[in-house]
Amino acid sequence: DGVPERVRDEVRHRFVEAISASGEVLGRVVLGDFSHGA
């Protein structure tokens, strides 16, 4: 909360970019809000 979406996306993108080059990431999953879980 309070962190602009653009900044959040940049932070996540830096990690994905850095680690993707190594070939070590086989996959990723982003989950929906926990309130929609059962």
All heavy atoms as atom14 arrays in JSON, in Angstrom:
{
  "sequence": "DGVPERVRDEVRHRFVEAISASGEVLGRVVLGDFSHGA",
  "atom14_mask": [
    [1, 1, 1, 1, 1, 1, 1, 1, 0, 0, 0, 0, 0, 0],
    [1, 1, 1, 1, 0, 0, 0, 0, 0, 0, 0, 0, 0, 0],
    [1, 1, 1, 1, 1, 1, 1, 0, 0, 0, 0, 0, 0, 0],
    [1, 1, 1, 1, 1, 1, 1, 0, 0, 0, 0, 0, 0, 0],
    [1, 1, 1, 1, 1, 1, 1, 1, 1, 0, 0, 0, 0, 0],
    [1, 1, 1, 1, 1, 1, 1, 1, 1, 1, 1, 0, 0, 0],
    [1, 1, 1, 1, 1, 1, 1, 0, 0, 0, 0, 0, 0, 0],
    [1, 1, 1, 1, 1, 1, 1, 1, 1, 1, 1, 0, 0, 0],
    [1, 1, 1, 1, 1, 1, 1, 1, 0, 0, 0, 0, 0, 0],
    [1, 1, 1, 1, 1, 1, 1, 1, 1, 0, 0, 0, 0, 0],
    [1, 1, 1, 1, 1, 1, 1, 0, 0, 0, 0, 0, 0, 0],
    [1, 1, 1, 1, 1, 1, 1, 1, 1, 1, 1, 0, 0, 0],
    [1, 1, 1, 1, 1, 1, 1, 1, 1, 1, 0, 0, 0, 0],
    [1, 1, 1, 1, 1, 1, 1, 1, 1, 1, 1, 0, 0, 0],
    [1, 1, 1, 1, 1, 1, 1, 1, 1, 1, 1, 0, 0, 0],
    [1, 1, 1, 1, 1, 1, 1, 0, 0, 0, 0, 0, 0, 0],
    [1, 1, 1, 1, 1, 1, 1, 1, 1, 0, 0, 0, 0, 0],
    [1, 1, 1, 1, 1, 0, 0, 0, 0, 0, 0, 0, 0, 0],
    [1, 1, 1, 1, 1, 1, 1, 1, 0, 0, 0, 0, 0, 0],
    [1, 1, 1, 1, 1, 1, 0, 0, 0, 0, 0, 0, 0, 0],
    [1, 1, 1, 1, 1, 0, 0, 0, 0, 0, 0, 0, 0, 0],
    [1, 1, 1, 1, 1, 1, 0, 0, 0, 0, 0, 0, 0, 0],
    [1, 1, 1, 1, 0, 0, 0, 0, 0, 0, 0, 0, 0, 0],
    [1, 1, 1, 1, 1, 1, 1, 1, 1, 0, 0, 0, 0, 0],
    [1, 1, 1, 1, 1, 1, 1, 0, 0, 0, 0, 0, 0, 0],
    [1, 1, 1, 1, 1, 1, 1, 1, 0, 0, 0, 0, 0, 0],
    [1, 1, 1, 1, 0, 0, 0, 0, 0, 0, 0, 0, 0, 0],
    [1, 1, 1, 1, 1, 1, 1, 1, 1, 1, 1, 0, 0, 0],
    [1, 1, 1, 1, 1, 1, 1, 0, 0, 0, 0, 0, 0, 0],
    [1, 1, 1, 1, 1, 1, 1, 0, 0, 0, 0, 0, 0, 0],
    [1, 1, 1, 1, 1, 1, 1, 1, 0, 0, 0, 0, 0, 0],
    [1, 1, 1, 1, 0, 0, 0, 0, 0, 0, 0, 0, 0, 0],
    [1, 1, 1, 1, 1, 1, 1, 1, 0, 0, 0, 0, 0, 0],
    [1, 1, 1, 1, 1, 1, 1, 1, 1, 1, 1, 0, 0, 0],
    [1, 1, 1, 1, 1, 1, 0, 0, 0, 0, 0, 0, 0, 0],
    [1, 1, 1, 1, 1, 1, 1, 1, 1, 1, 0, 0, 0, 0],
    [1, 1, 1, 1, 0, 0, 0, 0, 0, 0, 0, 0, 0, 0],
    [1, 1, 1, 1, 1, 0, 0, 0, 0, 0, 0, 0, 0, 0]
  ],
  "atom14_positions": [
    [[0.84, -1.2, 0.0], [0.0, 0.0, 0.0], [0.87, 1.24, 0.0], [1.85, 1.34, 0.74], [-0.93, 0.03, 1.22], [-2.02, -1.02, 1.16], [-2.13, -1.69, 0.11], [-2.74, -1.18, 2.16], [0.0, 0.0, 0.0], [0.0, 0.0, 0.0], [0.0, 0.0, 0.0], [0.0, 0.0, 0.0], [0.0, 0.0, 0.0], [0.0, 0.0, 0.0]],
    [[0.53, 2.2, -0.81], [1.29, 3.44, -0.88], [2.48, 3.39, -1.83], [3.09, 4.41, -2.1], [0.0, 0.0, 0.0], [0.0, 0.0, 0.0], [0.0, 0.0, 0.0], [0.0, 0.0, 0.0], [0.0, 0.0, 0.0], [0.0, 0.0, 0.0], [0.0, 0.0, 0.0], [0.0, 0.0, 0.0], [0.0, 0.0, 0.0], [0.0, 0.0, 0.0]],
    [[2.82, 2.21, -2.32], [3.91, 2.09, -3.29], [3.28, 2.08, -4.68], [2.45, 1.22, -4.98], [4.73, 0.79, -3.08], [5.81, 0.67, -4.13], [5.31, 0.76, -1.69], [0.0, 0.0, 0.0], [0.0, 0.0, 0.0], [0.0, 0.0, 0.0], [0.0, 0.0, 0.0], [0.0, 0.0, 0.0], [0.0, 0.0, 0.0], [0.0, 0.0, 0.0]],
    [[3.63, 3.04, -5.53], [3.03, 3.09, -6.86], [3.25, 1.78, -7.63], [4.3, 1.14, -7.5], [3.77, 4.24, -7.55], [4.33, 5.07, -6.44], [4.6, 4.12, -5.31], [0.0, 0.0, 0.0], [0.0, 0.0, 0.0], [0.0, 0.0, 0.0], [0.0, 0.0, 0.0], [0.0, 0.0, 0.0], [0.0, 0.0, 0.0], [0.0, 0.0, 0.0]],
    [[2.25, 1.4, -8.4], [2.32, 0.14, -9.15], [3.54, 0.11, -10.07], [4.18, -0.92, -10.24], [1.05, -0.07, -9.96], [0.95, -1.46, -10.56], [-0.41, -1.75, -11.12], [-1.39, -1.1, -10.73], [-0.48, -2.67, -11.97], [0.0, 0.0, 0.0], [0.0, 0.0, 0.0], [0.0, 0.0, 0.0], [0.0, 0.0, 0.0], [0.0, 0.0, 0.0]],
    [[3.89, 1.24, -10.62], [5.07, 1.34, -11.5], [6.33, 0.93, -10.76], [7.16, 0.18, -11.27], [5.2, 2.76, -12.04], [6.43, 3.01, -12.89], [6.6, 4.49, -13.22], [6.63, 5.38, -12.07], [7.68, 5.54, -11.26], [8.78, 4.89, -11.46], [7.61, 6.37, -10.25], [0.0, 0.0, 0.0], [0.0, 0.0, 0.0], [0.0, 0.0, 0.0]],
    [[6.47, 1.36, -9.52], [7.64, 1.01, -8.71], [7.63, -0.47, -8.37], [8.66, -1.15, -8.46], [7.68, 1.88, -7.42], [8.79, 1.42, -6.49], [7.84, 3.35, -7.78], [0.0, 0.0, 0.0], [0.0, 0.0, 0.0], [0.0, 0.0, 0.0], [0.0, 0.0, 0.0], [0.0, 0.0, 0.0], [0.0, 0.0, 0.0], [0.0, 0.0, 0.0]],
    [[6.47, -1.0, -7.99], [6.36, -2.44, -7.69], [6.77, -3.26, -8.91], [7.51, -4.24, -8.8], [4.94, -2.8, -7.28], [4.56, -2.29, -5.92], [3.2, -2.79, -5.54], [2.2, -2.25, -6.47], [0.97, -1.94, -6.13], [0.54, -2.12, -4.92], [0.14, -1.46, -7.02], [0.0, 0.0, 0.0], [0.0, 0.0, 0.0], [0.0, 0.0, 0.0]],
    [[6.27, -2.87, -10.08], [6.59, -3.6, -11.3], [8.09, -3.54, -11.62], [8.68, -4.52, -12.06], [5.79, -3.07, -12.48], [4.31, -3.42, -12.38], [3.95, -4.32, -11.58], [3.5, -2.8, -13.1], [0.0, 0.0, 0.0], [0.0, 0.0, 0.0], [0.0, 0.0, 0.0], [0.0, 0.0, 0.0], [0.0, 0.0, 0.0], [0.0, 0.0, 0.0]],
    [[8.7, -2.39, -11.39], [10.15, -2.24, -11.64], [10.95, -3.16, -10.73], [11.91, -3.8, -11.16], [10.58, -0.79, -11.42], [10.17, 0.15, -12.54], [10.52, 1.6, -12.22], [11.28, 1.87, -11.26], [10.01, 2.47, -12.94], [0.0, 0.0, 0.0], [0.0, 0.0, 0.0], [0.0, 0.0, 0.0], [0.0, 0.0, 0.0], [0.0, 0.0, 0.0]],
    [[10.57, -3.22, -9.46], [11.28, -4.07, -8.5], [11.18, -5.53, -8.93], [12.18, -6.26, -8.96], [10.7, -3.88, -7.08], [11.19, -4.96, -6.13], [11.04, -2.5, -6.55], [0.0, 0.0, 0.0], [0.0, 0.0, 0.0], [0.0, 0.0, 0.0], [0.0, 0.0, 0.0], [0.0, 0.0, 0.0], [0.0, 0.0, 0.0], [0.0, 0.0, 0.0]],
    [[9.99, -5.97, -9.27], [9.8, -7.36, -9.7], [10.52, -7.65, -11.01], [11.12, -8.7, -11.18], [8.31, -7.66, -9.83], [7.61, -7.67, -8.48], [6.13, -7.92, -8.62], [5.5, -7.94, -7.31], [4.44, -7.23, -6.99], [3.86, -6.45, -7.87], [3.93, -7.3, -5.77], [0.0, 0.0, 0.0], [0.0, 0.0, 0.0], [0.0, 0.0, 0.0]],
    [[10.47, -6.7, -11.93], [11.11, -6.88, -13.24], [12.63, -7.01, -13.1], [13.24, -7.83, -13.78], [10.77, -5.71, -14.17], [11.4, -5.83, -15.51], [10.99, -6.73, -16.46], [12.46, -5.17, -16.06], [11.75, -6.62, -17.54], [12.64, -5.69, -17.32], [0.0, 0.0, 0.0], [0.0, 0.0, 0.0], [0.0, 0.0, 0.0], [0.0, 0.0, 0.0]],
    [[13.23, -6.25, -12.19], [14.69, -6.33, -11.99], [15.1, -7.74, -11.57], [16.08, -8.28, -12.05], [15.15, -5.32, -10.94], [15.39, -3.94, -11.51], [16.18, -3.08, -10.54], [15.53, -2.94, -9.25], [14.78, -1.9, -8.89], [14.59, -0.9, -9.73], [14.24, -1.84, -7.7], [0.0, 0.0, 0.0], [0.0, 0.0, 0.0], [0.0, 0.0, 0.0]],
    [[14.31, -8.35, -10.66], [14.62, -9.71, -10.24], [14.49, -10.67, -11.4], [15.38, -11.48, -11.67], [13.74, -10.16, -9.08], [13.83, -11.64, -8.83], [14.95, -12.18, -8.22], [12.83, -12.5, -9.27], [15.07, -13.55, -8.02], [12.93, -13.87, -9.06], [14.06, -14.39, -8.44], [0.0, 0.0, 0.0], [0.0, 0.0, 0.0], [0.0, 0.0, 0.0]],
    [[13.36, -10.62, -12.09], [13.11, -11.55, -13.2], [14.19, -11.41, -14.26], [14.71, -12.4, -14.77], [11.7, -11.33, -13.79], [11.51, -12.12, -15.07], [10.63, -11.71, -12.77], [0.0, 0.0, 0.0], [0.0, 0.0, 0.0], [0.0, 0.0, 0.0], [0.0, 0.0, 0.0], [0.0, 0.0, 0.0], [0.0, 0.0, 0.0], [0.0, 0.0, 0.0]],
    [[14.55, -10.19, -14.57], [15.6, -9.95, -15.58], [16.94, -10.51, -15.14], [17.63, -11.18, -15.89], [15.71, -8.44, -15.84], [16.56, -8.08, -17.02], [16.52, -6.59, -17.27], [17.29, -5.85, -16.6], [15.71, -6.16, -18.11], [0.0, 0.0, 0.0], [0.0, 0.0, 0.0], [0.0, 0.0, 0.0], [0.0, 0.0, 0.0], [0.0, 0.0, 0.0]],
    [[17.3, -10.27, -13.9], [18.6, -10.72, -13.38], [18.68, -12.24, -13.33], [19.7, -12.82, -13.72], [18.85, -10.14, -11.99], [0.0, 0.0, 0.0], [0.0, 0.0, 0.0], [0.0, 0.0, 0.0], [0.0, 0.0, 0.0], [0.0, 0.0, 0.0], [0.0, 0.0, 0.0], [0.0, 0.0, 0.0], [0.0, 0.0, 0.0], [0.0, 0.0, 0.0]],
    [[17.64, -12.88, -12.88], [17.71, -14.32, -12.69], [17.4, -15.1, -13.97], [17.89, -16.21, -14.16], [16.81, -14.76, -11.5], [17.23, -16.14, -11.01], [15.37, -14.72, -11.87], [18.62, -16.22, -10.49], [0.0, 0.0, 0.0], [0.0, 0.0, 0.0], [0.0, 0.0, 0.0], [0.0, 0.0, 0.0], [0.0, 0.0, 0.0], [0.0, 0.0, 0.0]],
    [[16.62, -14.52, -14.86], [16.29, -15.21, -16.11], [17.53, -15.45, -16.95], [17.65, -16.46, -17.64], [15.25, -14.43, -16.9], [14.02, -14.44, -16.21], [0.0, 0.0, 0.0], [0.0, 0.0, 0.0], [0.0, 0.0, 0.0], [0.0, 0.0, 0.0], [0.0, 0.0, 0.0], [0.0, 0.0, 0.0], [0.0, 0.0, 0.0], [0.0, 0.0, 0.0]],
    [[18.46, -14.52, -16.9], [19.7, -14.66, -17.68], [20.5, -15.87, -17.26], [21.21, -16.46, -18.07], [20.53, -13.39, -17.54], [0.0, 0.0, 0.0], [0.0, 0.0, 0.0], [0.0, 0.0, 0.0], [0.0, 0.0, 0.0], [0.0, 0.0, 0.0], [0.0, 0.0, 0.0], [0.0, 0.0, 0.0], [0.0, 0.0, 0.0], [0.0, 0.0, 0.0]],
    [[20.37, -16.29, -16.02], [21.14, -17.43, -15.52], [20.56, -18.77, -15.98], [21.23, -19.79, -15.91], [21.2, -17.41, -13.99], [19.96, -17.83, -13.45], [0.0, 0.0, 0.0], [0.0, 0.0, 0.0], [0.0, 0.0, 0.0], [0.0, 0.0, 0.0], [0.0, 0.0, 0.0], [0.0, 0.0, 0.0], [0.0, 0.0, 0.0], [0.0, 0.0, 0.0]],
    [[19.29, -18.77, -16.39], [18.65, -20.01, -16.81], [18.19, -20.87, -15.65], [17.76, -22.0, -15.85], [0.0, 0.0, 0.0], [0.0, 0.0, 0.0], [0.0, 0.0, 0.0], [0.0, 0.0, 0.0], [0.0, 0.0, 0.0], [0.0, 0.0, 0.0], [0.0, 0.0, 0.0], [0.0, 0.0, 0.0], [0.0, 0.0, 0.0], [0.0, 0.0, 0.0]],
    [[18.28, -20.36, -14.42], [17.93, -21.16, -13.25], [16.43, -21.19, -12.95], [15.96, -22.07, -12.25], [18.7, -20.65, -12.03], [20.19, -20.89, -12.14], [20.99, -20.18, -11.08], [20.9, -18.93, -11.01], [21.7, -20.86, -10.32], [0.0, 0.0, 0.0], [0.0, 0.0, 0.0], [0.0, 0.0, 0.0], [0.0, 0.0, 0.0], [0.0, 0.0, 0.0]],
    [[15.69, -20.21, -13.47], [14.25, -20.18, -13.21], [13.54, -21.08, -14.21], [13.66, -20.91, -15.42], [13.69, -18.74, -13.3], [12.17, -18.75, -13.2], [14.27, -17.87, -12.21], [0.0, 0.0, 0.0], [0.0, 0.0, 0.0], [0.0, 0.0, 0.0], [0.0, 0.0, 0.0], [0.0, 0.0, 0.0], [0.0, 0.0, 0.0], [0.0, 0.0, 0.0]],
    [[12.81, -22.06, -13.7], [12.07, -22.98, -14.56], [10.62, -22.55, -14.73], [9.96, -22.93, -15.69], [12.11, -24.39, -13.97], [13.51, -24.99, -13.78], [13.4, -26.38, -13.17], [14.25, -25.03, -15.1], [0.0, 0.0, 0.0], [0.0, 0.0, 0.0], [0.0, 0.0, 0.0], [0.0, 0.0, 0.0], [0.0, 0.0, 0.0], [0.0, 0.0, 0.0]],
    [[10.1, -21.78, -13.78], [8.72, -21.32, -13.87], [8.36, -20.43, -12.71], [9.1, -20.34, -11.73], [0.0, 0.0, 0.0], [0.0, 0.0, 0.0], [0.0, 0.0, 0.0], [0.0, 0.0, 0.0], [0.0, 0.0, 0.0], [0.0, 0.0, 0.0], [0.0, 0.0, 0.0], [0.0, 0.0, 0.0], [0.0, 0.0, 0.0], [0.0, 0.0, 0.0]],
    [[7.23, -19.75, -12.85], [6.74, -18.92, -11.76], [5.22, -18.91, -11.79], [4.6, -19.14, -12.83], [7.3, -17.51, -11.82], [6.74, -16.67, -12.92], [7.33, -15.28, -12.9], [6.72, -14.5, -13.97], [6.58, -13.2, -13.93], [6.99, -12.52, -12.9], [6.02, -12.57, -14.93], [0.0, 0.0, 0.0], [0.0, 0.0, 0.0], [0.0, 0.0, 0.0]],
    [[4.64, -18.66, -10.63], [3.2, -18.63, -10.47], [2.85, -17.4, -9.63], [3.48, -17.16, -8.6], [2.69, -19.9, -9.74], [1.21, -19.8, -9.43], [2.99, -21.13, -10.57], [0.0, 0.0, 0.0], [0.0, 0.0, 0.0], [0.0, 0.0, 0.0], [0.0, 0.0, 0.0], [0.0, 0.0, 0.0], [0.0, 0.0, 0.0], [0.0, 0.0, 0.0]],
    [[1.87, -16.63, -10.1], [1.35, -15.52, -9.32], [-0.08, -15.89, -8.95], [-0.88, -16.21, -9.83], [1.37, -14.2, -10.13], [0.75, -13.07, -9.33], [2.78, -13.85, -10.57], [0.0, 0.0, 0.0], [0.0, 0.0, 0.0], [0.0, 0.0, 0.0], [0.0, 0.0, 0.0], [0.0, 0.0, 0.0], [0.0, 0.0, 0.0], [0.0, 0.0, 0.0]],
    [[-0.38, -15.88, -7.65], [-1.7, -16.3, -7.18], [-2.64, -15.1, -7.03], [-2.2, -13.99, -6.75], [-1.57, -16.99, -5.82], [-0.72, -18.26, -5.81], [-0.56, -18.77, -4.39], [-1.32, -19.32, -6.7], [0.0, 0.0, 0.0], [0.0, 0.0, 0.0], [0.0, 0.0, 0.0], [0.0, 0.0, 0.0], [0.0, 0.0, 0.0], [0.0, 0.0, 0.0]],
    [[-3.94, -15.36, -7.2], [-4.95, -14.35, -6.97], [-5.09, -14.08, -5.48], [-4.5, -14.77, -4.64], [0.0, 0.0, 0.0], [0.0, 0.0, 0.0], [0.0, 0.0, 0.0], [0.0, 0.0, 0.0], [0.0, 0.0, 0.0], [0.0, 0.0, 0.0], [0.0, 0.0, 0.0], [0.0, 0.0, 0.0], [0.0, 0.0, 0.0], [0.0, 0.0, 0.0]],
    [[-5.87, -13.09, -5.14], [-6.06, -12.69, -3.75], [-6.57, -13.87, -2.92], [-7.43, -14.63, -3.35], [-7.07, -11.54, -3.69], [-7.13, -10.92, -2.32], [-7.95, -11.4, -1.5], [-6.35, -9.99, -2.05], [0.0, 0.0, 0.0], [0.0, 0.0, 0.0], [0.0, 0.0, 0.0], [0.0, 0.0, 0.0], [0.0, 0.0, 0.0], [0.0, 0.0, 0.0]],
    [[-6.02, -13.99, -1.71], [-6.37, -15.12, -0.84], [-7.86, -15.15, -0.52], [-8.41, -16.21, -0.23], [-5.55, -15.09, 0.45], [-5.97, -14.0, 1.4], [-6.92, -14.24, 2.39], [-5.43, -12.72, 1.3], [-7.31, -13.24, 3.26], [-5.82, -11.72, 2.18], [-6.76, -11.98, 3.15], [0.0, 0.0, 0.0], [0.0, 0.0, 0.0], [0.0, 0.0, 0.0]],
    [[-8.53, -14.01, -0.57], [-9.95, -13.98, -0.24], [-10.8, -14.76, -1.26], [-11.94, -15.08, -0.99], [-10.44, -12.53, -0.14], [-10.34, -11.89, -1.4], [0.0, 0.0, 0.0], [0.0, 0.0, 0.0], [0.0, 0.0, 0.0], [0.0, 0.0, 0.0], [0.0, 0.0, 0.0], [0.0, 0.0, 0.0], [0.0, 0.0, 0.0], [0.0, 0.0, 0.0]],
    [[-10.22, -15.06, -2.41], [-10.93, -15.84, -3.42], [-10.62, -17.33, -3.31], [-11.12, -18.13, -4.1], [-10.58, -15.34, -4.83], [-10.95, -13.92, -5.05], [-12.24, -13.51, -5.22], [-10.18, -12.81, -5.1], [-12.27, -12.2, -5.37], [-11.04, -11.74, -5.3], [0.0, 0.0, 0.0], [0.0, 0.0, 0.0], [0.0, 0.0, 0.0], [0.0, 0.0, 0.0]],
    [[-9.78, -17.7, -2.34], [-9.42, -19.1, -2.16], [-10.48, -19.87, -1.38], [-11.39, -19.28, -0.78], [0.0, 0.0, 0.0], [0.0, 0.0, 0.0], [0.0, 0.0, 0.0], [0.0, 0.0, 0.0], [0.0, 0.0, 0.0], [0.0, 0.0, 0.0], [0.0, 0.0, 0.0], [0.0, 0.0, 0.0], [0.0, 0.0, 0.0], [0.0, 0.0, 0.0]],
    [[-10.39, -21.17, -1.42], [-11.31, -22.03, -0.69], [-10.57, -23.27, -0.25], [-9.55, -23.64, -0.83], [-12.5, -22.41, -1.57], [0.0, 0.0, 0.0], [0.0, 0.0, 0.0], [0.0, 0.0, 0.0], [0.0, 0.0, 0.0], [0.0, 0.0, 0.0], [0.0, 0.0, 0.0], [0.0, 0.0, 0.0], [0.0, 0.0, 0.0], [0.0, 0.0, 0.0]]
  ]
}
